[in-house]
Protein backbone atom coordinates (compact mmCIF):
# COMPACT_ATOMS: atom_id res chain seq x y z
CA UNK A 1 -10.80 4.94 -20.31
CA UNK A 2 -11.61 2.15 -22.76
CA UNK A 3 -8.73 3.26 -25.01
CA UNK A 4 -6.27 3.22 -22.12
CA UNK A 5 -7.48 -0.19 -20.99
CA UNK A 6 -7.01 -1.54 -24.53
CA UNK A 7 -3.28 -0.76 -24.30
CA UNK A 8 -2.99 -3.42 -21.60
CA UNK A 9 -5.23 -6.10 -23.09
CA UNK A 10 -2.55 -8.78 -22.64
CA UNK A 11 -2.41 -8.29 -18.86
CA UNK A 12 -3.77 -11.10 -16.68
CA UNK A 13 -4.23 -8.83 -13.68
CA UNK A 14 -5.35 -5.21 -13.56
CA UNK A 15 -6.21 -2.94 -10.65
CA UNK A 16 -7.31 0.57 -9.78
CA UNK A 17 -5.02 2.40 -7.36
CA UNK A 18 -6.98 4.70 -5.09
CA UNK A 19 -6.87 6.79 -1.94
CA UNK A 20 -9.70 5.13 0.00
CA UNK A 21 -7.37 4.35 2.89
CA UNK A 22 -7.09 8.05 3.67
CA UNK A 23 -10.75 8.90 3.03
CA UNK A 24 -13.82 9.09 5.23
CA UNK A 25 -17.00 7.01 4.82
CA UNK A 26 -18.84 9.82 3.02
CA UNK A 27 -16.21 9.82 0.27
CA UNK A 28 -16.47 6.05 0.02
CA UNK A 29 -20.24 6.18 -0.42
CA UNK A 30 -19.85 8.77 -3.18
CA UNK A 31 -16.90 7.14 -4.97
CA UNK A 32 -16.55 3.40 -4.48
CA UNK A 33 -19.81 2.09 -6.04
CA UNK A 34 -18.85 3.40 -9.49
CA UNK A 35 -15.37 1.91 -9.19
CA UNK A 36 -16.80 -1.42 -8.06
CA UNK A 37 -19.25 -1.38 -10.99
CA UNK A 38 -16.37 -0.78 -13.43
CA UNK A 39 -14.44 -3.70 -11.94
CA UNK A 40 -17.52 -5.92 -12.08
CA UNK A 41 -17.89 -5.43 -15.83
CA UNK A 42 -14.42 -6.92 -16.32
CA UNK A 43 -15.98 -10.27 -15.30
CA UNK A 44 -12.78 -11.42 -13.60
CA UNK A 45 -13.10 -14.62 -11.52
CA UNK A 46 -11.62 -12.80 -8.52
CA UNK A 47 -12.18 -9.13 -7.67
CA UNK A 48 -9.83 -8.06 -4.88
CA UNK A 49 -10.32 -5.03 -2.62
CA UNK A 50 -6.73 -4.41 -1.51
CA UNK A 51 -6.16 -3.40 2.11
CA UNK A 52 -3.02 -2.94 4.17
CA UNK A 53 -1.54 -6.01 5.82
CA UNK A 54 -1.47 -3.90 8.99
CA UNK A 55 -5.25 -3.22 8.85
CA UNK A 56 -4.81 0.59 8.67
CA UNK A 57 -8.42 1.73 9.10
CA UNK A 58 -11.04 3.01 11.50
CA UNK A 59 -14.77 3.75 11.29
CA UNK A 60 -13.89 7.37 10.44
CA UNK A 61 -10.89 6.86 8.14
CA UNK A 62 -10.28 4.29 5.43
CA UNK A 63 -13.07 2.08 6.76
CA UNK A 64 -12.62 -1.41 5.36
CA UNK A 65 -16.00 -2.34 6.78
CA UNK A 66 -17.74 0.49 4.90
CA UNK A 67 -16.05 -0.64 1.67
CA UNK A 68 -17.26 -4.20 2.26
CA UNK A 69 -20.82 -3.03 2.91
CA UNK A 70 -20.78 -1.06 -0.36
CA UNK A 71 -19.29 -4.00 -2.25
CA UNK A 72 -22.07 -6.34 -1.11
CA UNK A 73 -24.60 -4.11 -2.88
CA UNK A 74 -22.69 -4.23 -6.18
CA UNK A 75 -21.37 -7.78 -6.31
CA UNK A 76 -24.07 -9.56 -4.31
CA UNK A 77 -21.45 -12.10 -3.24
CA UNK A 78 -22.51 -15.25 -1.41
CA UNK A 79 -19.46 -14.81 0.82
CA UNK A 80 -16.34 -12.66 1.07
CA UNK A 81 -12.93 -14.21 1.81
CA UNK A 82 -10.74 -12.03 4.05
CA UNK A 83 -6.98 -12.63 4.04
CA UNK A 84 -4.87 -10.04 5.87
CA UNK A 85 -1.77 -12.20 6.31
CA UNK A 86 1.14 -12.23 3.89
CA UNK A 87 4.02 -14.27 5.37
CA UNK A 88 6.22 -13.22 2.42
CA UNK A 89 6.35 -9.72 3.94
CA UNK A 90 6.30 -10.99 7.54
CA UNK A 91 2.63 -10.36 8.18
CA UNK A 92 0.87 -13.24 9.92
CA UNK A 93 -2.53 -14.22 11.29
CA UNK A 94 -3.10 -16.91 13.93
CA UNK A 95 -6.45 -17.75 15.53
CA UNK A 96 -7.90 -14.53 14.20
CA UNK A 97 -5.15 -12.19 15.47
CA UNK A 98 -2.77 -10.28 13.18
CA UNK A 99 0.98 -10.04 13.79
CA UNK A 100 3.47 -7.86 11.91
CA UNK A 101 7.22 -7.53 11.82
CA UNK A 102 9.20 -4.55 13.01
CA UNK A 103 12.97 -4.16 12.68
CA UNK A 104 13.51 -5.83 16.07
CA UNK A 105 10.98 -8.66 15.82
CA UNK A 106 7.36 -9.66 15.29
CA UNK A 107 4.59 -8.07 17.35
CA UNK A 108 0.87 -8.57 17.78
CA UNK A 109 -0.67 -5.65 15.91
CA UNK A 110 -2.03 -3.83 18.95
CA UNK A 111 1.47 -3.94 20.49
CA UNK A 112 3.36 -3.10 17.30
CA UNK A 113 5.76 -0.15 17.83
CA UNK A 114 4.48 1.58 14.67
CA UNK A 115 0.87 0.48 14.20
CA UNK A 116 -0.15 0.88 17.86
CA UNK A 117 1.00 4.52 17.56
CA UNK A 118 -0.17 5.24 14.02
CA UNK A 119 -0.97 8.98 13.85
CA UNK A 120 -4.28 8.46 12.02
CA UNK A 121 -5.45 4.87 12.53
CA UNK A 122 -3.76 3.36 15.61
CA UNK A 123 -4.60 -0.31 16.13
CA UNK A 124 -6.13 -1.08 19.52
CA UNK A 125 -7.37 -4.61 18.80
CA UNK A 126 -5.39 -7.20 16.84
CA UNK A 127 -8.37 -9.52 16.30
CA UNK A 128 -9.56 -9.02 12.75
CA UNK A 129 -13.26 -9.63 13.38
CA UNK A 130 -13.31 -7.21 16.32
CA UNK A 131 -11.32 -4.50 14.55
CA UNK A 132 -13.52 -4.65 11.45
CA UNK A 133 -16.64 -5.33 13.50
CA UNK A 134 -16.52 -1.68 14.58
CA UNK A 135 -16.73 -0.73 10.89
CA UNK A 136 -19.32 -3.17 9.54
CA UNK A 137 -22.33 -4.96 10.96
CA UNK A 138 -21.67 -8.05 8.82
CA UNK A 139 -21.18 -11.48 10.40
CA UNK A 140 -17.60 -12.78 10.52
CA UNK A 141 -16.30 -16.34 10.41
CA UNK A 142 -12.81 -17.84 10.69
CA UNK A 143 -10.86 -20.70 9.15
CA UNK A 144 -7.89 -21.00 11.50
CA UNK A 145 -4.43 -22.58 11.26
CA UNK A 146 -5.66 -25.88 12.73
CA UNK A 147 -8.42 -26.10 10.12
CA UNK A 148 -5.88 -25.50 7.34
CA UNK A 149 -3.96 -28.66 8.32
CA UNK A 150 -5.88 -30.82 5.81
CA UNK A 151 -7.79 -29.84 2.63
CA UNK A 152 -10.92 -31.68 3.78
CA UNK A 153 -10.81 -30.07 7.21
CA UNK A 154 -10.38 -26.59 5.75
CA UNK A 155 -13.23 -27.05 3.28
CA UNK A 156 -15.49 -28.45 5.99
CA UNK A 157 -14.81 -25.47 8.27
CA UNK A 158 -15.51 -23.03 5.42
CA UNK A 159 -18.83 -24.74 4.69
CA UNK A 160 -19.73 -24.79 8.39
CA UNK A 161 -18.99 -21.06 8.77
CA UNK A 162 -21.17 -20.28 5.76
CA UNK A 163 -23.95 -22.50 7.11
CA UNK A 164 -24.06 -20.57 10.37
CA UNK A 165 -24.51 -17.33 8.42
CA UNK A 166 -20.98 -15.91 8.23
CA UNK A 167 -20.77 -13.43 5.36
CA UNK A 168 -17.08 -12.49 5.72
CA UNK A 169 -14.76 -15.42 6.40
CA UNK A 170 -11.23 -14.63 7.59
CA UNK A 171 -8.30 -16.97 7.03
CA UNK A 172 -5.26 -17.53 9.22
CA UNK A 173 -1.86 -17.97 7.54
CA UNK A 174 1.63 -18.19 9.03
CA UNK A 175 3.59 -19.96 6.26
CA UNK A 176 3.68 -20.70 2.52
CA UNK A 177 1.72 -23.94 2.95
CA UNK A 178 -1.07 -22.05 4.71
CA UNK A 179 -1.16 -19.54 1.86
CA UNK A 180 -1.47 -22.29 -0.76
CA UNK A 181 -4.30 -23.86 1.27
CA UNK A 182 -6.15 -20.53 1.46
CA UNK A 183 -5.61 -20.02 -2.28
CA UNK A 184 -7.20 -23.42 -2.98
CA UNK A 185 -10.21 -22.53 -0.85
CA UNK A 186 -10.76 -19.14 -2.47
CA UNK A 187 -10.28 -20.44 -6.01
CA UNK A 188 -12.25 -23.63 -5.45
CA UNK A 189 -15.22 -21.78 -3.94
CA UNK A 190 -15.27 -18.78 -6.28
CA UNK A 191 -18.49 -19.84 -8.01
CA UNK A 192 -19.20 -17.47 -10.90
CA UNK A 193 -16.89 -14.91 -9.34
CA UNK A 194 -15.83 -13.89 -5.85
CA UNK A 195 -15.19 -10.53 -4.21
CA UNK A 196 -12.21 -10.89 -1.88
CA UNK A 197 -10.77 -8.49 0.70
CA UNK A 198 -7.19 -8.60 1.89
CA UNK A 199 -3.57 -7.63 1.55
CA UNK A 200 -1.36 -8.67 -1.35
CA UNK A 201 -1.65 -12.01 0.42
CA UNK A 202 -4.68 -12.69 -1.80
CA UNK A 203 -2.39 -12.80 -4.83
CA UNK A 204 0.33 -14.73 -3.01
CA UNK A 205 -2.25 -17.34 -1.97
CA UNK A 206 -3.77 -17.71 -5.43
CA UNK A 207 -0.37 -17.91 -7.12
CA UNK A 208 0.75 -20.59 -4.66
CA UNK A 209 -2.39 -22.63 -5.30
CA UNK A 210 -2.14 -22.26 -9.07
CA UNK A 211 1.49 -23.39 -9.05
CA UNK A 212 0.68 -26.46 -6.98
CA UNK A 213 -2.08 -27.48 -9.39
CA UNK A 214 -0.05 -26.69 -12.52
CA UNK A 215 -2.25 -23.82 -13.76
CA UNK A 216 0.83 -21.60 -14.00
CA UNK A 217 4.56 -22.22 -14.20
CA UNK A 218 7.37 -21.47 -11.80
CA UNK A 219 8.13 -17.99 -10.57
CA UNK A 220 10.55 -15.86 -12.58
CA UNK A 221 13.25 -13.76 -10.93
CA UNK A 222 13.37 -10.57 -13.01
CA UNK A 223 16.61 -8.65 -13.24
CA UNK A 224 17.07 -5.06 -12.12
CA UNK A 225 16.60 -1.98 -14.30
CA UNK A 226 20.13 -0.64 -13.80
CA UNK A 227 21.46 2.55 -12.21
CA UNK A 228 20.31 5.77 -13.92
CA UNK A 229 22.19 8.13 -11.62
CA UNK A 230 20.48 10.30 -8.98
CA UNK A 231 16.92 9.56 -7.93
CA UNK A 232 14.51 11.82 -6.08
CA UNK A 233 12.49 10.70 -3.05
CA UNK A 234 9.48 12.39 -1.43
CA UNK A 235 8.28 11.00 1.88
CA UNK A 236 5.13 11.79 3.84
CA UNK A 237 5.60 8.82 6.17
CA UNK A 238 6.13 9.22 9.91
CA UNK A 239 7.03 5.54 10.34
CA UNK A 240 10.19 4.68 12.24
CA UNK A 241 11.02 2.26 9.41
CA UNK A 242 11.04 5.08 6.86
CA UNK A 243 12.99 7.25 9.30
CA UNK A 244 15.69 4.57 9.42
CA UNK A 245 15.77 4.51 5.62
CA UNK A 246 16.17 8.28 5.42
CA UNK A 247 18.95 8.17 8.03
CA UNK A 248 20.78 5.34 6.24
CA UNK A 249 20.52 7.18 2.93
CA UNK A 250 21.72 10.48 4.42
CA UNK A 251 24.73 8.66 5.84
CA UNK A 252 25.45 7.15 2.44
CA UNK A 253 25.48 10.12 0.09
CA UNK A 254 21.82 11.15 -0.22
CA UNK A 255 20.74 14.72 0.68
CA UNK A 256 17.90 14.95 3.24
CA UNK A 257 15.63 18.01 2.91
CA UNK A 258 12.95 18.74 5.53
CA UNK A 259 9.61 19.80 4.05
CA UNK A 260 7.79 22.72 5.70
CA UNK A 261 4.47 21.03 6.48
CA UNK A 262 2.92 23.80 8.65
CA UNK A 263 3.28 26.34 5.83
CA UNK A 264 2.06 23.81 3.26
CA UNK A 265 -1.41 23.81 4.87
CA UNK A 266 -1.47 27.51 5.82
CA UNK A 267 -2.56 28.95 2.48
CA UNK A 268 -2.14 28.36 -1.24
CA UNK A 269 0.56 31.01 -1.43
CA UNK A 270 2.46 29.55 1.55
CA UNK A 271 2.12 26.04 0.11
CA UNK A 272 3.54 27.15 -3.24
CA UNK A 273 6.47 28.76 -1.43
CA UNK A 274 7.16 25.61 0.60
CA UNK A 275 7.07 23.46 -2.54
CA UNK A 276 9.39 25.86 -4.37
CA UNK A 277 11.93 25.94 -1.51
CA UNK A 278 12.08 22.16 -1.37
CA UNK A 279 12.29 21.85 -5.15
CA UNK A 280 15.18 24.33 -5.39
CA UNK A 281 17.13 22.52 -2.68
CA UNK A 282 16.54 19.20 -4.45
CA UNK A 283 17.63 20.55 -7.85
CA UNK A 284 20.81 21.90 -6.24
CA UNK A 285 21.57 18.49 -4.70
CA UNK A 286 21.01 16.77 -8.05
CA UNK A 287 23.34 19.24 -9.77
CA UNK A 288 26.03 18.12 -7.31
CA UNK A 289 25.41 14.44 -8.10
CA UNK A 290 23.44 13.64 -4.95
CA UNK A 291 19.98 12.06 -4.63
CA UNK A 292 17.58 14.27 -2.62
CA UNK A 293 15.04 12.99 -0.08
CA UNK A 294 12.29 15.48 0.75
CA UNK A 295 10.68 14.32 3.98
CA UNK A 296 7.99 15.53 6.38
CA UNK A 297 9.27 13.80 9.55
CA UNK A 298 11.96 11.48 10.86
CA UNK A 299 9.69 9.03 12.66
CA UNK A 300 6.78 9.44 15.08
CA UNK A 301 8.89 11.17 17.75
CA UNK A 302 10.21 13.90 15.46
CA UNK A 303 9.16 17.32 16.87
CA UNK A 304 7.91 18.10 13.36
CA UNK A 305 4.98 15.72 13.97
CA UNK A 306 3.74 17.69 17.00
CA UNK A 307 4.37 20.98 15.19
CA UNK A 308 2.26 19.81 12.26
CA UNK A 309 -0.49 18.69 14.65
CA UNK A 310 -0.64 22.17 16.15
CA UNK A 311 -0.77 23.68 12.66
CA UNK A 312 -3.67 21.42 11.72
CA UNK A 313 -5.66 22.53 14.78
CA UNK A 314 -4.96 26.18 14.04
CA UNK A 315 -5.96 25.78 10.38
CA UNK A 316 -9.42 24.39 11.07
CA UNK A 317 -8.76 21.51 8.68
CA UNK A 318 -9.64 17.92 9.49
CA UNK A 319 -6.71 15.47 9.68
CA UNK A 320 -7.96 13.91 6.44
CA UNK A 321 -7.91 17.28 4.66
CA UNK A 322 -4.51 18.23 6.05
CA UNK A 323 -2.88 14.93 5.11
CA UNK A 324 -4.31 15.16 1.62
CA UNK A 325 -2.88 18.67 1.25
CA UNK A 326 0.58 17.42 2.26
CA UNK A 327 0.38 14.52 -0.19
CA UNK A 328 -0.64 16.84 -3.01
CA UNK A 329 2.10 19.33 -2.09
CA UNK A 330 4.75 16.60 -2.16
CA UNK A 331 3.46 15.47 -5.54
CA UNK A 332 3.63 18.99 -6.91
CA UNK A 333 7.16 19.35 -5.56
CA UNK A 334 8.19 16.09 -7.19
CA UNK A 335 6.67 17.19 -10.48
CA UNK A 336 8.69 20.43 -10.38
CA UNK A 337 11.93 18.54 -9.74
CA UNK A 338 11.36 15.99 -12.50
CA UNK A 339 10.54 18.66 -15.08
CA UNK A 340 13.55 20.81 -14.16
CA UNK A 341 16.10 18.01 -14.05
CA UNK A 342 14.86 15.37 -16.46
CA UNK A 343 15.39 12.61 -13.86
CA UNK A 344 13.70 9.39 -14.90
CA UNK A 345 13.43 7.59 -11.57
CA UNK A 346 11.59 8.63 -8.40
CA UNK A 347 10.32 7.16 -5.13
CA UNK A 348 7.25 8.12 -3.10
CA UNK A 349 7.26 6.88 0.50
CA UNK A 350 4.11 6.60 2.62
CA UNK A 351 0.96 4.70 1.69
CA UNK A 352 -1.42 7.66 1.85
CA UNK A 353 1.19 9.99 0.36
CA UNK A 354 1.67 7.72 -2.65
CA UNK A 355 -1.95 7.97 -3.68
CA UNK A 356 -2.20 11.74 -3.42
CA UNK A 357 1.29 12.56 -4.75
CA UNK A 358 1.21 10.25 -7.76
CA UNK A 359 -1.97 11.93 -9.00
CA UNK A 360 0.03 15.14 -9.52
CA UNK A 361 2.25 13.45 -12.12
CA UNK A 362 -0.39 12.80 -14.78
CA UNK A 363 -0.01 9.04 -14.41
CA UNK A 364 -2.82 6.76 -15.54
CA UNK A 365 -1.11 3.37 -15.26
CA UNK A 366 1.87 1.54 -13.75
CA UNK A 367 3.38 -1.68 -15.06
CA UNK A 368 5.88 -3.87 -13.21
CA UNK A 369 9.53 -3.25 -14.12
CA UNK A 370 11.84 -4.70 -11.43
CA UNK A 371 11.34 -6.28 -7.99
CA UNK A 372 12.73 -5.23 -4.65
CA UNK A 373 10.93 -6.26 -1.48
CA UNK A 374 7.42 -7.64 -2.04
CA UNK A 375 4.93 -4.79 -2.26
CA UNK A 376 7.41 -2.03 -3.16
CA UNK A 377 8.66 -2.83 -6.65
CA UNK A 378 9.94 -0.46 -9.32
CA UNK A 379 7.36 0.39 -11.99
CA UNK A 380 7.19 2.07 -15.36
CA UNK A 381 4.70 4.93 -15.16
CA UNK A 382 2.44 5.67 -18.11
CA UNK A 383 1.44 9.33 -18.35
CA UNK A 384 -1.32 11.27 -20.06
CA UNK A 385 1.21 14.09 -20.53
CA UNK A 386 3.05 13.69 -23.88
CA UNK A 387 5.78 16.12 -22.76
CA UNK A 388 6.83 14.00 -19.80
CA UNK A 389 9.80 11.70 -20.18
CA UNK A 390 9.25 8.01 -19.46
CA UNK A 391 9.30 7.75 -15.67
CA UNK A 392 10.26 4.86 -13.43
CA UNK A 393 8.48 5.07 -10.08
CA UNK A 394 8.52 3.13 -6.82
CA UNK A 395 5.74 3.51 -4.24
CA UNK A 396 6.60 2.38 -0.71
CA UNK A 397 4.37 2.04 2.33
CA UNK A 398 5.66 3.52 5.58
CA UNK A 399 6.49 0.18 7.22
CA UNK A 400 8.01 -1.39 4.11
CA UNK A 401 11.62 -2.02 3.23
CA UNK A 402 15.18 -2.42 4.44
CA UNK A 403 17.33 0.49 5.65
CA UNK A 404 19.04 0.67 2.23
CA UNK A 405 15.76 0.52 0.25
CA UNK A 406 16.13 3.94 -1.41
CA UNK A 407 19.60 3.04 -2.65
CA UNK A 408 18.33 -0.34 -3.82
CA UNK A 409 15.83 1.45 -6.04
CA UNK A 410 18.53 3.88 -7.17
CA UNK A 411 20.51 0.88 -8.38
CA UNK A 412 17.47 -0.41 -10.27
CA UNK A 413 16.15 -3.05 -7.89
CA UNK A 414 16.24 -6.64 -8.99
CA UNK A 415 16.01 -9.95 -7.16
CA UNK A 416 19.75 -10.57 -7.60
CA UNK A 417 20.58 -7.55 -5.43
CA UNK A 418 18.55 -8.53 -2.37
CA UNK A 419 19.83 -6.77 0.76
CA UNK A 420 20.37 -8.42 4.09
CA UNK A 421 16.85 -8.63 5.48
CA UNK A 422 13.36 -7.41 4.58
CA UNK A 423 11.57 -5.80 7.51
């Protein structure tokens, strides 16, 4: 609302967190134009439609192409920059193909051990223009790593791509220098305002360019928020990265609690019972000084994944509907635990889960509190519920983080406490 927005009038960047990644094109048509119109009235020089650096999308689910098509009608942009890469989180693009890190190395996206097997949006083609070309009929262009070698060469290639009719122009990036070069191109060709699509790499690129030109100062290294005792984690991720984090945490004093996903989609009564069972187990763990992790699966090969798939078929629900129900159920469970224990710090794991679960907490805004890995910081949550204690919340995508990430958040995050390696 206007009153809520006024509370953050000093902020230089503001965004709307949504669930488009786990929605179908019909939902996008009904929902995104109004959101885009609200963003347009802010008159920001850059409007960024945030996507995953692993391109999670398909024509039927979380279609980035559909979002772009809808944005063209609202913003009437002359061109749309597309930056998927974010080397800071080990996501790269070279000659139009996306590469992403896994715990044991970097893989082309269509060969990535997680993304090639994603349960909802598996990646079959690592070339950005081909992957998104199945979702949008727009014309794609590319400024590649060779073009980025000199400012004049990069600008000339951008102009040439626009001249041949490219509406969406993708940018390669494999290092910090590439990101700064892309940032210069986006900022220097923004005109009266540009609509950009990409990962958090958009911000990394702009910040790098602004620092090089002196528009902003050097980067600060914020301290952590301190240890508040037990934390509570809910996870709807089936990523092997999250599975490793749950296993590490369980081996280091956390309590792992399996969530009954088949019953959670069976009926409202069965869902309430599943939420209550998980909440009671979590409250018991907290009373004993442990931090509970309520999880739906330990990686893609967990038998729970196949069991849930059978339950979805039997229920008559679409995968989109079933996943939304699980996200909501985890959010309701988390809400129960927080109200019963008074804990002030929580973690939600899973990109889709974060959107659905966080909505159950009465949150209308998040502001940065302490860093951990890029893209999974600790936030202060602002609630519409006056009875809720001030909550600190971290939202983590399935592929994000080190094995000790949950404990890192428990300790309050902070750049000074960086663990061994970010995956």
